[in-house]
């Protein structure tokens, strides 16, 4: 199996190929074309990078990338920045509809017990560390828990539903 990423330390889509890999989806040319390129590389949809020791790190999923105008924004990058803020216990960032931007990052934040943190403080913390299009233009919502599946994966669809319906909570 061969793995192809852009270059050391730079995020890119994980693509693989080799003799034991799939040849395509049976009777489904559309799905095959979306997964296999003309050179036989399988596009996994995983975003990652490798380091100096050739360790591979998966950081995101392509379908989770937020599109702010034409710019891709990694939820993982913003989550790591928000986690650095004192008083934050857990966070998940999703893309939400935005009238001017099309889609905007929104942070769902769980605070540590007795923490006194405001949405404006978190937004300012992020603003100081990222480009203007990566800012939390979708806002910050405080929640009791970040919904996860049994393997620990964040259930981003649930968070988006929570954002659309004020009566819905996580």
N, C-alpha and C. Protein backbone atom coordinates (compact mmCIF):
# COMPACT_ATOMS: atom_id res chain seq x y z
N UNK A 1 0.84 -1.18 0.00
CA UNK A 1 0.00 0.00 0.00
C UNK A 1 0.89 1.24 0.00
N UNK A 2 0.51 2.23 -0.76
CA UNK A 2 1.22 3.50 -0.82
C UNK A 2 0.28 4.57 -0.28
N UNK A 3 0.81 5.45 0.55
CA UNK A 3 0.04 6.57 1.10
C UNK A 3 0.62 7.84 0.52
N UNK A 4 -0.25 8.74 0.07
CA UNK A 4 0.23 9.99 -0.50
C UNK A 4 -0.34 11.17 0.28
N UNK A 5 0.55 11.99 0.82
CA UNK A 5 0.16 13.26 1.44
C UNK A 5 1.04 14.34 0.83
N UNK A 6 0.68 15.58 1.05
CA UNK A 6 1.36 16.69 0.40
C UNK A 6 2.85 16.72 0.75
N UNK A 7 3.22 17.14 1.94
CA UNK A 7 4.60 17.10 2.40
C UNK A 7 4.61 17.18 3.92
N UNK A 8 5.74 16.89 4.51
CA UNK A 8 5.87 16.81 5.96
C UNK A 8 5.27 18.01 6.67
N UNK A 9 4.39 17.75 7.63
CA UNK A 9 3.80 18.80 8.45
C UNK A 9 2.66 19.55 7.79
N UNK A 10 2.38 19.29 6.54
CA UNK A 10 1.32 20.00 5.82
C UNK A 10 0.10 19.10 5.67
N UNK A 11 -1.07 19.62 6.07
CA UNK A 11 -2.28 18.81 5.99
C UNK A 11 -2.72 18.61 4.54
N UNK A 12 -3.25 17.43 4.28
CA UNK A 12 -3.79 17.10 2.98
C UNK A 12 -4.69 15.90 3.11
N UNK A 13 -5.35 15.53 2.02
CA UNK A 13 -6.23 14.36 2.05
C UNK A 13 -5.40 13.09 1.98
N UNK A 14 -5.76 12.12 2.79
CA UNK A 14 -5.09 10.82 2.79
C UNK A 14 -5.59 10.04 1.58
N UNK A 15 -4.67 9.69 0.69
CA UNK A 15 -4.99 8.90 -0.50
C UNK A 15 -4.12 7.65 -0.47
N UNK A 16 -4.69 6.52 -0.83
CA UNK A 16 -3.95 5.25 -0.80
C UNK A 16 -4.17 4.49 -2.09
N UNK A 17 -3.20 3.62 -2.42
CA UNK A 17 -3.39 2.70 -3.53
C UNK A 17 -2.44 1.53 -3.34
N UNK A 18 -2.81 0.42 -3.93
CA UNK A 18 -2.00 -0.77 -3.82
C UNK A 18 -2.75 -1.96 -4.39
N UNK A 19 -2.08 -3.10 -4.50
CA UNK A 19 -2.70 -4.26 -5.14
C UNK A 19 -3.90 -4.82 -4.37
N UNK A 20 -3.95 -4.62 -3.07
CA UNK A 20 -5.06 -5.17 -2.28
C UNK A 20 -6.20 -4.20 -2.08
N UNK A 21 -6.19 -3.08 -2.78
CA UNK A 21 -7.22 -2.06 -2.58
C UNK A 21 -8.42 -2.31 -3.50
N UNK A 22 -9.49 -1.62 -3.20
CA UNK A 22 -10.72 -1.78 -3.97
C UNK A 22 -10.55 -1.32 -5.42
N UNK A 23 -11.36 -1.86 -6.30
CA UNK A 23 -11.36 -1.47 -7.70
C UNK A 23 -12.53 -0.56 -8.03
N UNK A 24 -13.45 -0.43 -7.09
CA UNK A 24 -14.61 0.42 -7.29
C UNK A 24 -15.83 -0.19 -6.66
N UNK A 25 -16.93 0.55 -6.71
CA UNK A 25 -18.21 0.07 -6.19
C UNK A 25 -18.95 -0.67 -7.30
N UNK A 26 -19.43 -1.85 -6.99
CA UNK A 26 -20.13 -2.65 -7.98
C UNK A 26 -21.40 -1.95 -8.44
N UNK A 27 -21.54 -1.78 -9.72
CA UNK A 27 -22.73 -1.19 -10.35
C UNK A 27 -23.03 0.23 -9.86
N UNK A 28 -21.99 0.97 -9.46
CA UNK A 28 -22.21 2.33 -8.99
C UNK A 28 -21.04 3.21 -9.45
N UNK A 29 -21.10 3.62 -10.71
CA UNK A 29 -20.01 4.41 -11.31
C UNK A 29 -19.88 5.78 -10.65
N UNK A 30 -20.97 6.37 -10.20
CA UNK A 30 -20.91 7.69 -9.57
C UNK A 30 -20.10 7.62 -8.28
N UNK A 31 -20.39 6.64 -7.43
CA UNK A 31 -19.64 6.47 -6.18
C UNK A 31 -18.18 6.12 -6.45
N UNK A 32 -17.95 5.30 -7.47
CA UNK A 32 -16.58 4.93 -7.83
C UNK A 32 -15.81 6.16 -8.27
N UNK A 33 -16.39 6.99 -9.10
CA UNK A 33 -15.71 8.20 -9.59
C UNK A 33 -15.42 9.18 -8.46
N UNK A 34 -16.26 9.21 -7.44
CA UNK A 34 -16.05 10.11 -6.32
C UNK A 34 -14.94 9.62 -5.39
N UNK A 35 -14.64 8.33 -5.45
CA UNK A 35 -13.65 7.73 -4.54
C UNK A 35 -12.32 7.45 -5.21
N UNK A 36 -12.34 6.92 -6.42
CA UNK A 36 -11.11 6.57 -7.15
C UNK A 36 -10.80 7.61 -8.21
N UNK A 37 -9.54 8.06 -8.26
CA UNK A 37 -9.20 9.00 -9.33
C UNK A 37 -8.63 8.25 -10.53
N UNK A 38 -8.28 8.96 -11.57
CA UNK A 38 -7.84 8.34 -12.83
C UNK A 38 -6.52 7.57 -12.70
N UNK A 39 -5.75 7.84 -11.65
CA UNK A 39 -4.48 7.15 -11.44
C UNK A 39 -4.61 5.99 -10.46
N UNK A 40 -5.83 5.70 -10.02
CA UNK A 40 -6.05 4.58 -9.11
C UNK A 40 -5.92 4.89 -7.63
N UNK A 41 -5.77 6.17 -7.28
CA UNK A 41 -5.69 6.55 -5.87
C UNK A 41 -7.09 6.55 -5.26
N UNK A 42 -7.21 5.96 -4.08
CA UNK A 42 -8.47 5.99 -3.33
C UNK A 42 -8.43 7.20 -2.42
N UNK A 43 -9.40 8.08 -2.59
CA UNK A 43 -9.52 9.28 -1.75
C UNK A 43 -10.35 8.91 -0.53
N UNK A 44 -9.68 8.83 0.63
CA UNK A 44 -10.34 8.34 1.85
C UNK A 44 -11.29 9.35 2.47
N UNK A 45 -11.08 10.62 2.19
CA UNK A 45 -11.89 11.65 2.85
C UNK A 45 -11.29 12.09 4.17
N UNK A 46 -10.22 11.43 4.60
CA UNK A 46 -9.54 11.81 5.84
C UNK A 46 -8.50 12.89 5.53
N UNK A 47 -8.41 13.87 6.42
CA UNK A 47 -7.42 14.93 6.31
C UNK A 47 -6.36 14.65 7.37
N UNK A 48 -5.10 14.76 7.00
CA UNK A 48 -4.04 14.49 7.96
C UNK A 48 -2.71 15.01 7.50
N UNK A 49 -1.69 14.68 8.28
CA UNK A 49 -0.32 15.06 7.94
C UNK A 49 0.62 14.02 8.54
N UNK A 50 1.88 14.04 8.11
CA UNK A 50 2.88 13.18 8.73
C UNK A 50 4.01 14.05 9.25
N UNK A 51 4.71 13.52 10.28
CA UNK A 51 5.79 14.29 10.89
C UNK A 51 7.16 13.79 10.44
N UNK A 52 8.23 14.28 11.09
CA UNK A 52 9.60 13.94 10.70
C UNK A 52 9.92 12.45 10.84
N UNK A 53 9.21 11.77 11.75
CA UNK A 53 9.42 10.34 11.93
C UNK A 53 8.47 9.51 11.06
N UNK A 54 7.78 10.15 10.15
CA UNK A 54 6.81 9.52 9.26
C UNK A 54 5.60 8.94 9.99
N UNK A 55 5.27 9.50 11.17
CA UNK A 55 4.04 9.13 11.85
C UNK A 55 2.90 9.89 11.19
N UNK A 56 1.81 9.19 10.94
CA UNK A 56 0.65 9.78 10.27
C UNK A 56 -0.38 10.19 11.31
N UNK A 57 -0.89 11.41 11.19
CA UNK A 57 -1.90 11.94 12.09
C UNK A 57 -3.14 12.30 11.28
N UNK A 58 -4.28 11.75 11.66
CA UNK A 58 -5.55 12.08 11.02
C UNK A 58 -6.18 13.18 11.86
N UNK A 59 -6.48 14.32 11.25
CA UNK A 59 -6.98 15.46 12.02
C UNK A 59 -8.43 15.82 11.70
N UNK A 60 -8.93 15.43 10.57
CA UNK A 60 -10.27 15.86 10.18
C UNK A 60 -10.83 14.94 9.11
N UNK A 61 -12.08 15.18 8.75
CA UNK A 61 -12.73 14.53 7.61
C UNK A 61 -13.04 15.61 6.59
N UNK A 62 -12.85 15.30 5.33
CA UNK A 62 -13.12 16.28 4.27
C UNK A 62 -14.54 16.79 4.33
N UNK A 63 -15.50 15.90 4.63
CA UNK A 63 -16.89 16.34 4.67
C UNK A 63 -17.18 17.24 5.87
N UNK A 64 -16.30 17.25 6.89
CA UNK A 64 -16.48 18.12 8.04
C UNK A 64 -15.86 19.50 7.85
N UNK A 65 -15.05 19.67 6.81
CA UNK A 65 -14.40 20.95 6.56
C UNK A 65 -15.49 21.99 6.30
N UNK A 66 -15.33 23.14 6.93
CA UNK A 66 -16.29 24.24 6.82
C UNK A 66 -15.84 25.12 5.65
N UNK A 67 -16.78 25.45 4.76
CA UNK A 67 -16.47 26.33 3.63
C UNK A 67 -16.98 27.73 3.93
N UNK A 68 -16.07 28.63 4.23
CA UNK A 68 -16.40 30.04 4.48
C UNK A 68 -16.07 30.78 3.19
N UNK A 69 -17.14 31.17 2.48
CA UNK A 69 -16.99 31.66 1.10
C UNK A 69 -16.28 30.55 0.34
N UNK A 70 -15.11 30.78 -0.21
CA UNK A 70 -14.40 29.71 -0.93
C UNK A 70 -13.27 29.11 -0.10
N UNK A 71 -13.12 29.56 1.14
CA UNK A 71 -12.00 29.13 1.97
C UNK A 71 -12.35 27.92 2.83
N UNK A 72 -11.48 26.90 2.84
CA UNK A 72 -11.71 25.75 3.73
C UNK A 72 -11.21 26.07 5.14
N UNK A 73 -12.03 25.71 6.13
CA UNK A 73 -11.67 25.92 7.53
C UNK A 73 -11.76 24.58 8.25
N UNK A 74 -10.69 24.22 8.93
CA UNK A 74 -10.64 22.96 9.67
C UNK A 74 -11.27 23.13 11.05
N UNK A 75 -12.35 22.39 11.35
CA UNK A 75 -12.92 22.45 12.70
C UNK A 75 -11.89 22.05 13.75
N UNK A 76 -11.06 21.07 13.43
CA UNK A 76 -10.05 20.58 14.38
C UNK A 76 -9.11 21.71 14.82
N UNK A 77 -8.67 22.53 13.87
CA UNK A 77 -7.77 23.64 14.19
C UNK A 77 -8.42 24.58 15.19
N UNK A 78 -9.68 24.93 14.95
CA UNK A 78 -10.38 25.85 15.85
C UNK A 78 -10.65 25.21 17.20
N UNK A 79 -10.97 23.92 17.21
CA UNK A 79 -11.20 23.21 18.47
C UNK A 79 -9.96 23.23 19.34
N UNK A 80 -8.80 23.02 18.74
CA UNK A 80 -7.55 23.03 19.50
C UNK A 80 -7.29 24.41 20.11
N UNK A 81 -7.60 25.46 19.40
CA UNK A 81 -7.40 26.82 19.91
C UNK A 81 -8.37 27.10 21.06
N UNK A 82 -9.63 26.74 20.90
CA UNK A 82 -10.61 26.98 21.96
C UNK A 82 -10.26 26.18 23.21
N UNK A 83 -9.79 24.94 23.05
CA UNK A 83 -9.41 24.10 24.20
C UNK A 83 -8.31 24.73 25.04
N UNK A 84 -7.51 25.58 24.42
CA UNK A 84 -6.41 26.23 25.15
C UNK A 84 -6.91 27.28 26.13
N UNK A 85 -8.14 27.74 25.96
CA UNK A 85 -8.66 28.81 26.81
C UNK A 85 -8.98 28.25 28.20
N UNK A 86 -8.49 28.92 29.22
CA UNK A 86 -8.72 28.47 30.59
C UNK A 86 -10.21 28.44 30.90
N UNK A 87 -10.64 27.36 31.48
CA UNK A 87 -12.05 27.22 31.82
C UNK A 87 -12.83 26.37 30.83
N UNK A 88 -12.23 26.05 29.68
CA UNK A 88 -12.89 25.22 28.68
C UNK A 88 -12.54 23.76 28.93
N UNK A 89 -13.57 22.93 29.05
CA UNK A 89 -13.39 21.51 29.28
C UNK A 89 -13.42 20.72 27.97
N UNK A 90 -14.34 21.06 27.08
CA UNK A 90 -14.50 20.34 25.81
C UNK A 90 -15.10 21.29 24.79
N UNK A 91 -14.89 20.98 23.52
CA UNK A 91 -15.41 21.84 22.46
C UNK A 91 -15.58 21.04 21.18
N UNK A 92 -16.55 21.45 20.39
CA UNK A 92 -16.74 20.94 19.04
C UNK A 92 -17.10 22.13 18.16
N UNK A 93 -16.54 22.17 16.96
CA UNK A 93 -16.82 23.25 16.01
C UNK A 93 -17.48 22.64 14.78
N UNK A 94 -18.58 23.26 14.36
CA UNK A 94 -19.29 22.83 13.16
C UNK A 94 -19.57 24.04 12.29
N UNK A 95 -19.87 23.78 11.04
CA UNK A 95 -20.28 24.85 10.13
C UNK A 95 -21.77 25.05 10.21
N UNK A 96 -22.19 26.30 10.34
CA UNK A 96 -23.62 26.63 10.36
C UNK A 96 -23.91 27.62 9.24
N UNK A 97 -25.15 27.63 8.79
CA UNK A 97 -25.52 28.56 7.71
C UNK A 97 -25.33 30.00 8.18
N UNK A 98 -24.83 30.82 7.24
CA UNK A 98 -24.56 32.22 7.55
C UNK A 98 -24.97 33.04 6.33
N UNK A 99 -25.74 34.06 6.56
CA UNK A 99 -26.30 34.85 5.45
C UNK A 99 -25.23 35.45 4.55
N UNK A 100 -24.17 36.00 5.11
CA UNK A 100 -23.14 36.68 4.33
C UNK A 100 -22.02 35.74 3.87
N UNK A 101 -21.67 34.76 4.71
CA UNK A 101 -20.52 33.90 4.42
C UNK A 101 -20.88 32.57 3.77
N UNK A 102 -22.16 32.24 3.77
CA UNK A 102 -22.59 30.93 3.28
C UNK A 102 -22.57 29.92 4.40
N UNK A 103 -21.40 29.72 5.00
CA UNK A 103 -21.23 28.85 6.15
C UNK A 103 -20.21 29.52 7.07
N UNK A 104 -20.40 29.34 8.37
CA UNK A 104 -19.48 29.95 9.34
C UNK A 104 -19.21 28.97 10.48
N UNK A 105 -18.02 29.02 11.06
CA UNK A 105 -17.71 28.16 12.19
C UNK A 105 -18.48 28.59 13.45
N UNK A 106 -19.01 27.60 14.15
CA UNK A 106 -19.68 27.84 15.43
C UNK A 106 -19.12 26.85 16.43
N UNK A 107 -18.77 27.35 17.61
CA UNK A 107 -18.20 26.51 18.66
C UNK A 107 -19.27 26.15 19.69
N UNK A 108 -19.35 24.87 19.99
CA UNK A 108 -20.17 24.37 21.09
C UNK A 108 -19.19 24.04 22.20
N UNK A 109 -19.35 24.70 23.36
CA UNK A 109 -18.34 24.67 24.40
C UNK A 109 -18.91 24.13 25.71
N UNK A 110 -18.16 23.22 26.32
CA UNK A 110 -18.46 22.74 27.67
C UNK A 110 -17.43 23.40 28.59
N UNK A 111 -17.92 24.07 29.63
CA UNK A 111 -17.03 24.73 30.57
C UNK A 111 -16.70 23.82 31.75
N UNK A 112 -15.54 24.07 32.34
CA UNK A 112 -15.18 23.38 33.58
C UNK A 112 -16.09 23.89 34.69
N UNK A 113 -16.30 23.09 35.74
CA UNK A 113 -17.16 23.54 36.84
C UNK A 113 -16.70 24.88 37.41
N UNK A 114 -17.65 25.76 37.63
CA UNK A 114 -17.43 27.10 38.21
C UNK A 114 -16.65 28.06 37.32
N UNK A 115 -16.40 27.71 36.08
CA UNK A 115 -15.68 28.62 35.17
C UNK A 115 -16.61 29.76 34.78
N UNK A 116 -16.05 30.93 34.75
CA UNK A 116 -16.78 32.14 34.34
C UNK A 116 -16.19 32.63 33.03
N UNK A 117 -16.70 32.10 31.94
CA UNK A 117 -16.19 32.42 30.61
C UNK A 117 -17.37 32.88 29.76
N UNK A 118 -17.15 33.92 28.97
CA UNK A 118 -18.20 34.40 28.08
C UNK A 118 -17.90 34.01 26.64
N UNK A 119 -18.93 34.06 25.83
CA UNK A 119 -18.77 33.78 24.40
C UNK A 119 -17.81 34.79 23.77
N UNK A 120 -17.92 36.06 24.18
CA UNK A 120 -17.06 37.10 23.63
C UNK A 120 -15.59 36.83 23.95
N UNK A 121 -15.30 36.30 25.14
CA UNK A 121 -13.91 35.99 25.50
C UNK A 121 -13.35 34.89 24.61
N UNK A 122 -14.16 33.87 24.36
CA UNK A 122 -13.70 32.77 23.50
C UNK A 122 -13.50 33.26 22.07
N UNK A 123 -14.45 34.06 21.57
CA UNK A 123 -14.32 34.59 20.21
C UNK A 123 -13.07 35.46 20.08
N UNK A 124 -12.79 36.27 21.09
CA UNK A 124 -11.59 37.12 21.07
C UNK A 124 -10.31 36.28 21.09
N UNK A 125 -10.32 35.22 21.89
CA UNK A 125 -9.17 34.31 21.96
C UNK A 125 -8.88 33.70 20.59
N UNK A 126 -9.92 33.26 19.89
CA UNK A 126 -9.75 32.68 18.56
C UNK A 126 -9.33 33.75 17.56
N UNK A 127 -9.97 34.90 17.63
CA UNK A 127 -9.70 36.00 16.69
C UNK A 127 -8.22 36.39 16.68
N UNK A 128 -7.58 36.36 17.85
CA UNK A 128 -6.17 36.74 17.96
C UNK A 128 -5.23 35.72 17.33
N UNK A 129 -5.74 34.53 16.97
CA UNK A 129 -4.87 33.44 16.55
C UNK A 129 -5.11 32.91 15.14
N UNK A 130 -6.14 33.41 14.46
CA UNK A 130 -6.46 32.87 13.14
C UNK A 130 -6.75 34.00 12.14
N UNK A 131 -6.77 33.63 10.88
CA UNK A 131 -7.14 34.56 9.81
C UNK A 131 -8.60 34.98 9.98
N UNK A 132 -8.97 36.08 9.40
CA UNK A 132 -10.32 36.63 9.59
C UNK A 132 -11.43 35.67 9.15
N UNK A 133 -11.21 34.90 8.09
CA UNK A 133 -12.26 34.00 7.62
C UNK A 133 -12.44 32.78 8.51
N UNK A 134 -11.49 32.52 9.42
CA UNK A 134 -11.58 31.36 10.32
C UNK A 134 -12.24 31.69 11.66
N UNK A 135 -12.59 32.93 11.87
CA UNK A 135 -13.15 33.33 13.16
C UNK A 135 -14.53 32.71 13.38
N UNK A 136 -14.95 32.68 14.63
CA UNK A 136 -16.22 32.05 15.01
C UNK A 136 -17.40 32.96 14.70
N UNK A 137 -17.60 33.24 13.41
CA UNK A 137 -18.69 34.11 12.97
C UNK A 137 -20.05 33.49 13.23
N UNK A 138 -20.10 32.18 13.41
CA UNK A 138 -21.35 31.49 13.73
C UNK A 138 -21.69 31.57 15.21
N UNK A 139 -20.74 32.03 16.01
CA UNK A 139 -20.98 32.23 17.43
C UNK A 139 -20.43 31.12 18.31
N UNK A 140 -20.77 31.22 19.58
CA UNK A 140 -20.38 30.25 20.60
C UNK A 140 -21.63 29.89 21.37
N UNK A 141 -21.85 28.61 21.57
CA UNK A 141 -23.00 28.15 22.37
C UNK A 141 -22.46 27.24 23.47
N UNK A 142 -22.87 27.53 24.70
CA UNK A 142 -22.45 26.72 25.83
C UNK A 142 -23.42 25.56 26.00
N UNK A 143 -22.87 24.35 26.13
CA UNK A 143 -23.67 23.14 26.29
C UNK A 143 -23.13 22.35 27.48
N UNK A 144 -23.94 21.42 27.96
CA UNK A 144 -23.53 20.59 29.10
C UNK A 144 -22.58 19.48 28.69
N UNK A 145 -22.74 19.00 27.46
CA UNK A 145 -21.93 17.88 26.99
C UNK A 145 -21.82 17.92 25.47
N UNK A 146 -20.68 17.47 24.95
CA UNK A 146 -20.51 17.31 23.51
C UNK A 146 -20.95 15.89 23.18
N UNK A 147 -21.95 15.74 22.30
CA UNK A 147 -22.42 14.38 21.98
C UNK A 147 -21.37 13.60 21.19
N UNK A 148 -21.13 12.37 21.62
CA UNK A 148 -20.14 11.51 20.97
C UNK A 148 -20.71 10.11 20.81
N UNK A 149 -20.20 9.39 19.81
CA UNK A 149 -20.59 7.99 19.64
C UNK A 149 -19.74 7.14 20.59
N UNK A 150 -19.97 5.83 20.66
CA UNK A 150 -19.21 4.99 21.59
C UNK A 150 -17.69 5.00 21.38
N UNK A 151 -17.23 5.34 20.18
CA UNK A 151 -15.78 5.39 19.94
C UNK A 151 -15.19 6.77 20.22
N UNK A 152 -16.02 7.72 20.62
CA UNK A 152 -15.54 9.06 20.96
C UNK A 152 -15.66 10.08 19.86
N UNK A 153 -16.16 9.69 18.70
CA UNK A 153 -16.30 10.62 17.58
C UNK A 153 -17.43 11.62 17.89
N UNK A 154 -17.16 12.88 17.63
CA UNK A 154 -18.16 13.93 17.87
C UNK A 154 -19.32 13.77 16.88
N UNK A 155 -20.53 13.82 17.40
CA UNK A 155 -21.73 13.71 16.56
C UNK A 155 -22.13 15.11 16.09
N UNK A 156 -21.46 15.55 15.04
CA UNK A 156 -21.64 16.92 14.55
C UNK A 156 -23.03 17.16 14.00
N UNK A 157 -23.65 16.12 13.45
CA UNK A 157 -25.02 16.27 12.94
C UNK A 157 -25.96 16.67 14.07
N UNK A 158 -25.79 16.09 15.24
CA UNK A 158 -26.62 16.44 16.39
C UNK A 158 -26.41 17.89 16.79
N UNK A 159 -25.18 18.35 16.73
CA UNK A 159 -24.90 19.75 17.08
C UNK A 159 -25.54 20.70 16.08
N UNK A 160 -25.52 20.34 14.81
CA UNK A 160 -26.17 21.18 13.80
C UNK A 160 -27.68 21.23 14.03
N UNK A 161 -28.28 20.09 14.39
CA UNK A 161 -29.71 20.06 14.70
C UNK A 161 -30.02 20.92 15.91
N UNK A 162 -29.15 20.88 16.88
CA UNK A 162 -29.31 21.69 18.09
C UNK A 162 -29.26 23.18 17.73
N UNK A 163 -28.41 23.53 16.78
CA UNK A 163 -28.30 24.92 16.37
C UNK A 163 -29.55 25.40 15.64
N UNK A 164 -30.18 24.51 14.85
CA UNK A 164 -31.35 24.89 14.08
C UNK A 164 -32.62 24.97 14.92
N UNK A 165 -32.70 24.19 15.98
CA UNK A 165 -33.91 24.10 16.80
C UNK A 165 -33.57 24.50 18.24
N UNK A 166 -33.98 25.71 18.67
CA UNK A 166 -33.65 26.16 20.02
C UNK A 166 -34.21 25.26 21.13
N UNK A 167 -35.24 24.47 20.82
CA UNK A 167 -35.82 23.56 21.81
C UNK A 167 -35.01 22.28 21.94
N UNK A 168 -34.17 22.00 20.93
CA UNK A 168 -33.37 20.78 20.91
C UNK A 168 -32.11 21.02 21.73
N UNK A 169 -31.77 20.08 22.60
CA UNK A 169 -30.52 20.24 23.36
C UNK A 169 -29.72 18.96 23.26
N UNK A 170 -28.42 19.10 23.50
CA UNK A 170 -27.53 17.94 23.44
C UNK A 170 -27.29 17.40 24.83
